[in-house]
Amino acid sequence: MATIKDAKVLVVAPTIQRSGESKSLTFSRPLRISKSSNFDEYDSILAFSADGTPADATVIGRHLCQREFGKGPDLVVSGINSGDNSSVHALLTSGTCAAAFEGALENIPSIAFSMVVRASELFYGGKVQSDYSVAAKKSKHIVEIVLNDSLPEDIKFLNVNYPAEVKLDTPIRVVDLAIKKYSTEVLEATDPRKTPIYWIWGEQLPNIPENTDSKAIIDNQISITPISLGFGRWSRPIIDHYFRSKNIQIVDPKENSFLAEKKD
């Protein structure tokens, strides 16, 4: 991002590995940030670490942009995450996607980038061996497009996933979210003190549907999925009819109440 012409980049990242924390925000204690020297070679980058969640990092980043640059961010970029975040299940669990969600909720165009990595690098807080260089070039191109032309109306952020062996000519597909890519299972064991422990894990599901982000990744393609925030907007008429058919009086949306039990 630092090589994008005239771009000023402010980085805020959690101090430790915070995978799977979704869009949790820290309200129970103050957050502490410290300036990072990791990007000192770039004059256009200000970098900080924050002892909060990925969504906290977006909130803090928006505040620091106002303080340092006198305006909020033009774009929120999250990632590139170690491990893909394809499917609804991953989208709602991922801290990487949550950081983009937080930007989208503030009406800031946002993009979450993730890449398949070897299993040993998942949920790992140290330096990884996977090569992100091609994914970084692809990400830069997407960022430049969105910076220059924003996103279409009603699209609040993009969820972009790269396969492990991504190349410059790897096909790109615009696809829907799969529901799940992995099963959700509990591995039960005991610790050395004979206390039961429970580890949440899962395996890749068979028969991932076609034309979904998870299937694109399995097929060694790049997936781009547009995300809007209109939860329930398209299904509202269905539920309206459903409750009316159950003898429930539905109050007109312009009135204050949503549901009222029908009186005999």
Protein backbone atom coordinates (compact mmCIF):
# COMPACT_ATOMS: atom_id res chain seq x y z
CA MET A 1 0.00 0.00 0.00
CA ALA A 2 2.95 2.27 0.67
CA THR A 3 3.84 2.24 -3.02
CA ILE A 4 0.47 3.66 -4.12
CA LYS A 5 1.10 7.17 -5.42
CA ASP A 6 0.16 9.98 -3.01
CA ALA A 7 -1.35 7.53 -0.51
CA LYS A 8 -0.87 8.09 3.21
CA VAL A 9 -1.13 4.82 5.10
CA LEU A 10 -1.93 4.42 8.78
CA VAL A 11 -1.51 0.90 10.16
CA VAL A 12 -3.09 -0.31 13.39
CA ALA A 13 -2.65 -4.00 14.21
CA PRO A 14 -3.38 -6.08 17.32
CA THR A 15 -0.31 -6.73 19.43
CA ILE A 16 -0.98 -10.49 19.54
CA GLN A 17 -2.73 -13.15 17.46
CA ARG A 18 -6.49 -12.45 17.62
CA SER A 19 -7.92 -14.87 15.06
CA GLY A 20 -11.56 -15.86 15.37
CA GLU A 21 -12.59 -12.93 17.55
CA SER A 22 -15.17 -11.69 15.07
CA LYS A 23 -16.40 -8.12 15.58
CA SER A 24 -15.90 -7.94 19.33
CA LEU A 25 -15.07 -4.49 20.70
CA THR A 26 -13.33 -3.78 24.00
CA PHE A 27 -15.55 -1.78 26.36
CA SER A 28 -14.41 -3.23 29.71
CA ARG A 29 -10.98 -1.55 29.85
CA PRO A 30 -8.98 1.18 28.13
CA LEU A 31 -6.90 0.29 25.10
CA ARG A 32 -3.20 1.03 24.87
CA ILE A 33 -1.34 1.70 21.64
CA SER A 34 2.33 2.01 20.85
CA LYS A 35 4.13 3.29 17.78
CA SER A 36 5.74 0.63 15.65
CA SER A 37 9.06 0.96 13.85
CA ASN A 38 8.32 -1.86 11.38
CA PHE A 39 7.61 0.59 8.55
CA ASP A 40 10.14 3.32 9.28
CA GLU A 41 11.62 2.90 5.78
CA TYR A 42 8.40 4.32 4.32
CA ASP A 43 7.79 8.02 4.87
CA SER A 44 4.13 7.61 3.96
CA ILE A 45 3.32 5.07 6.69
CA LEU A 46 2.42 5.61 10.33
CA ALA A 47 2.18 2.29 12.19
CA PHE A 48 0.83 1.41 15.63
CA SER A 49 0.03 -1.71 17.61
CA ALA A 50 -3.04 -1.84 19.84
CA ASP A 51 -3.80 -4.30 22.64
CA GLY A 52 -7.33 -4.94 21.38
CA THR A 53 -9.24 -6.86 18.76
CA PRO A 54 -9.10 -6.39 14.97
CA ALA A 55 -12.36 -4.42 15.12
CA ASP A 56 -10.83 -2.27 17.88
CA ALA A 57 -7.92 -1.60 15.52
CA THR A 58 -10.29 -0.16 12.92
CA VAL A 59 -11.97 2.07 15.50
CA ILE A 60 -8.61 3.28 16.82
CA GLY A 61 -7.31 3.71 13.26
CA ARG A 62 -10.24 5.93 12.33
CA HIS A 63 -9.56 8.08 15.40
CA LEU A 64 -5.83 8.31 14.64
CA CYS A 65 -6.52 9.28 11.02
CA GLN A 66 -8.55 12.22 12.25
CA ARG A 67 -5.80 13.17 14.68
CA GLU A 68 -2.83 12.73 12.34
CA PHE A 69 -4.31 13.72 8.96
CA GLY A 70 -7.29 15.86 9.90
CA LYS A 71 -9.76 13.52 8.17
CA GLY A 72 -11.10 10.01 8.38
CA PRO A 73 -9.80 7.18 6.19
CA ASP A 74 -10.80 6.93 2.53
CA LEU A 75 -10.45 3.16 2.66
CA VAL A 76 -10.08 0.41 5.27
CA VAL A 77 -7.88 -2.53 4.24
CA SER A 78 -7.63 -5.60 6.46
CA GLY A 79 -5.14 -8.41 5.87
CA ILE A 80 -3.58 -10.21 4.13
CA ASN A 81 -4.69 -12.81 6.66
CA SER A 82 -2.92 -16.16 7.05
CA GLY A 83 -5.71 -18.55 6.07
CA ASP A 84 -8.67 -17.99 3.79
CA ASN A 85 -11.92 -16.50 5.11
CA SER A 86 -14.37 -17.91 2.60
CA SER A 87 -17.99 -18.79 3.54
CA VAL A 88 -20.54 -17.15 5.81
CA HIS A 89 -19.15 -19.14 8.72
CA ALA A 90 -15.67 -17.70 8.27
CA LEU A 91 -16.92 -14.20 7.48
CA LEU A 92 -18.80 -14.01 10.79
CA THR A 93 -15.93 -15.55 12.77
CA SER A 94 -12.94 -13.81 11.23
CA GLY A 95 -11.21 -10.89 12.89
CA THR A 96 -9.85 -9.89 9.48
CA CYS A 97 -13.35 -9.60 8.02
CA ALA A 98 -14.58 -7.93 11.22
CA ALA A 99 -12.09 -5.10 10.76
CA ALA A 100 -13.59 -4.50 7.31
CA PHE A 101 -17.11 -4.78 8.73
CA GLU A 102 -16.25 -2.07 11.25
CA GLY A 103 -15.14 0.23 8.46
CA ALA A 104 -18.22 -0.55 6.39
CA LEU A 105 -20.48 0.29 9.34
CA GLU A 106 -18.95 3.77 9.28
CA ASN A 107 -19.70 4.00 5.55
CA ILE A 108 -16.02 3.67 4.64
CA PRO A 109 -15.23 1.45 1.63
CA SER A 110 -13.48 -1.59 3.07
CA ILE A 111 -11.68 -4.69 1.81
CA ALA A 112 -10.67 -7.88 3.64
CA PHE A 113 -7.84 -9.90 2.07
CA SER A 114 -7.00 -13.48 3.09
CA MET A 115 -4.84 -16.26 1.65
CA VAL A 116 -4.67 -20.02 2.08
CA VAL A 117 -1.51 -21.04 3.95
CA ARG A 118 -0.06 -24.31 5.21
CA ALA A 119 -1.81 -25.71 8.28
CA SER A 120 1.18 -25.03 10.55
CA GLU A 121 0.78 -21.27 9.94
CA LEU A 122 -2.89 -21.07 10.92
CA PHE A 123 -3.48 -19.16 14.18
CA TYR A 124 0.29 -18.65 14.44
CA GLY A 125 1.56 -15.39 15.85
CA GLY A 126 5.13 -15.58 14.56
CA LYS A 127 6.77 -15.05 11.20
CA VAL A 128 5.26 -17.20 8.45
CA GLN A 129 7.02 -18.80 5.50
CA SER A 130 4.25 -18.51 2.90
CA ASP A 131 4.95 -16.17 -0.02
CA TYR A 132 2.53 -13.24 -0.01
CA SER A 133 4.23 -11.27 -2.80
CA VAL A 134 1.79 -12.11 -5.62
CA ALA A 135 -1.23 -11.70 -3.35
CA ALA A 136 0.17 -8.33 -2.30
CA LYS A 137 0.46 -7.20 -5.94
CA LYS A 138 -3.08 -8.34 -6.66
CA SER A 139 -4.32 -6.62 -3.51
CA LYS A 140 -2.60 -3.37 -4.45
CA HIS A 141 -4.36 -3.38 -7.82
CA ILE A 142 -7.77 -3.92 -6.21
CA VAL A 143 -7.07 -1.20 -3.65
CA GLU A 144 -6.13 1.26 -6.39
CA ILE A 145 -9.36 0.54 -8.25
CA VAL A 146 -11.52 1.08 -5.16
CA LEU A 147 -9.61 4.21 -4.13
CA ASN A 148 -10.11 5.72 -7.57
CA ASP A 149 -13.75 4.76 -8.05
CA SER A 150 -15.08 3.72 -4.61
CA LEU A 151 -17.55 0.80 -4.51
CA PRO A 152 -20.97 0.49 -6.13
CA GLU A 153 -23.94 1.69 -4.09
CA ASP A 154 -25.07 -0.78 -1.40
CA ILE A 155 -21.76 -2.67 -1.54
CA LYS A 156 -19.99 -1.87 1.70
CA PHE A 157 -16.98 -4.10 1.50
CA LEU A 158 -15.26 -6.80 -0.52
CA ASN A 159 -14.14 -10.13 0.85
CA VAL A 160 -11.16 -11.30 -1.23
CA ASN A 161 -9.55 -14.73 -0.85
CA TYR A 162 -6.41 -16.08 -2.53
CA PRO A 163 -5.44 -19.73 -3.03
CA ALA A 164 -2.08 -20.87 -1.70
CA GLU A 165 -0.39 -21.06 -5.09
CA VAL A 166 -1.69 -17.73 -6.38
CA LYS A 167 0.03 -16.45 -9.52
CA LEU A 168 -0.28 -13.27 -11.55
CA ASP A 169 -2.47 -15.11 -14.07
CA THR A 170 -4.63 -16.95 -11.51
CA PRO A 171 -8.28 -16.57 -12.58
CA ILE A 172 -10.51 -14.24 -10.57
CA ARG A 173 -14.14 -15.09 -9.86
CA VAL A 174 -16.88 -12.90 -8.38
CA VAL A 175 -18.95 -15.37 -6.39
CA ASP A 176 -21.41 -15.78 -3.55
CA LEU A 177 -20.48 -16.87 -0.06
CA ALA A 178 -20.62 -20.56 0.69
CA ILE A 179 -22.41 -21.32 3.95
CA LYS A 180 -19.56 -23.33 5.48
CA LYS A 181 -16.24 -24.67 4.25
CA TYR A 182 -15.31 -26.58 7.41
CA SER A 183 -17.23 -28.68 9.87
CA THR A 184 -17.43 -27.49 13.48
CA GLU A 185 -16.47 -30.22 15.89
CA VAL A 186 -15.32 -30.53 19.49
CA LEU A 187 -12.28 -32.63 20.36
CA GLU A 188 -12.54 -33.75 23.98
CA ALA A 189 -9.51 -34.79 26.03
CA THR A 190 -7.99 -34.31 29.49
CA ASP A 191 -5.09 -32.17 30.60
CA PRO A 192 -2.22 -33.53 32.78
CA ARG A 193 -4.34 -32.80 35.88
CA LYS A 194 -7.14 -34.97 34.46
CA THR A 195 -9.36 -31.94 33.90
CA PRO A 196 -11.55 -32.21 30.79
CA ILE A 197 -10.58 -29.89 27.94
CA TYR A 198 -12.51 -29.13 24.76
CA TRP A 199 -10.90 -28.00 21.52
CA ILE A 200 -13.05 -26.60 18.71
CA TRP A 201 -11.80 -27.76 15.34
CA GLY A 202 -13.08 -29.01 12.00
CA GLU A 203 -12.32 -30.61 8.66
CA GLN A 204 -13.07 -29.41 5.16
CA LEU A 205 -16.57 -30.37 4.12
CA PRO A 206 -17.18 -32.44 0.97
CA ASN A 207 -19.28 -31.21 -1.93
CA ILE A 208 -18.80 -27.45 -1.56
CA PRO A 209 -21.40 -25.82 -3.86
CA GLU A 210 -20.34 -24.41 -7.21
CA ASN A 211 -20.19 -20.65 -7.77
CA THR A 212 -19.18 -19.97 -4.18
CA ASP A 213 -16.06 -18.45 -2.68
CA SER A 214 -14.98 -21.65 -0.95
CA LYS A 215 -15.29 -23.66 -4.18
CA ALA A 216 -13.29 -21.03 -6.07
CA ILE A 217 -10.47 -21.36 -3.54
CA ILE A 218 -10.58 -25.16 -3.78
CA ASP A 219 -10.35 -24.79 -7.57
CA ASN A 220 -7.24 -22.61 -7.15
CA GLN A 221 -8.99 -19.39 -8.15
CA ILE A 222 -9.19 -15.96 -6.52
CA SER A 223 -12.61 -15.19 -5.07
CA ILE A 224 -14.12 -11.73 -4.71
CA THR A 225 -17.40 -11.53 -2.82
CA PRO A 226 -19.30 -8.25 -2.43
CA ILE A 227 -20.84 -7.76 1.02
CA SER A 228 -23.76 -5.47 1.79
CA LEU A 229 -25.20 -4.62 5.20
CA GLY A 230 -28.87 -5.02 4.29
CA PHE A 231 -29.40 -8.05 6.52
CA GLY A 232 -32.96 -9.27 6.08
CA ARG A 233 -33.91 -6.56 3.59
CA TRP A 234 -34.79 -9.00 0.82
CA SER A 235 -36.44 -11.57 3.09
CA ARG A 236 -38.57 -9.08 5.06
CA PRO A 237 -41.67 -9.52 2.81
CA ILE A 238 -41.45 -13.30 3.29
CA ILE A 239 -41.46 -13.00 7.08
CA ASP A 240 -44.19 -10.36 6.92
CA HIS A 241 -46.40 -12.84 5.06
CA TYR A 242 -45.34 -15.67 7.39
CA PHE A 243 -46.52 -13.89 10.55
CA ARG A 244 -49.71 -12.66 8.92
CA SER A 245 -50.51 -16.26 8.03
CA LYS A 246 -50.07 -17.16 11.72
CA ASN A 247 -52.79 -14.71 12.77
CA ILE A 248 -50.27 -12.13 13.99
CA GLN A 249 -51.09 -8.51 13.21
CA ILE A 250 -48.14 -6.83 11.56
CA VAL A 251 -47.95 -3.12 12.21
CA ASP A 252 -47.17 -0.98 9.20
CA PRO A 253 -43.43 -0.07 9.10
CA LYS A 254 -44.18 3.65 9.42
CA GLU A 255 -45.69 3.03 12.86
CA ASN A 256 -43.64 2.53 16.01
CA SER A 257 -44.37 -1.09 16.87
CA PHE A 258 -43.15 -4.05 14.84
CA LEU A 259 -45.28 -6.94 16.05
CA ALA A 260 -48.57 -6.96 17.92
CA GLU A 261 -50.55 -10.03 18.83
CA LYS A 262 -53.91 -9.94 17.10
CA LYS A 263 -56.84 -9.36 19.43
CA ASP A 264 -60.03 -11.38 19.04
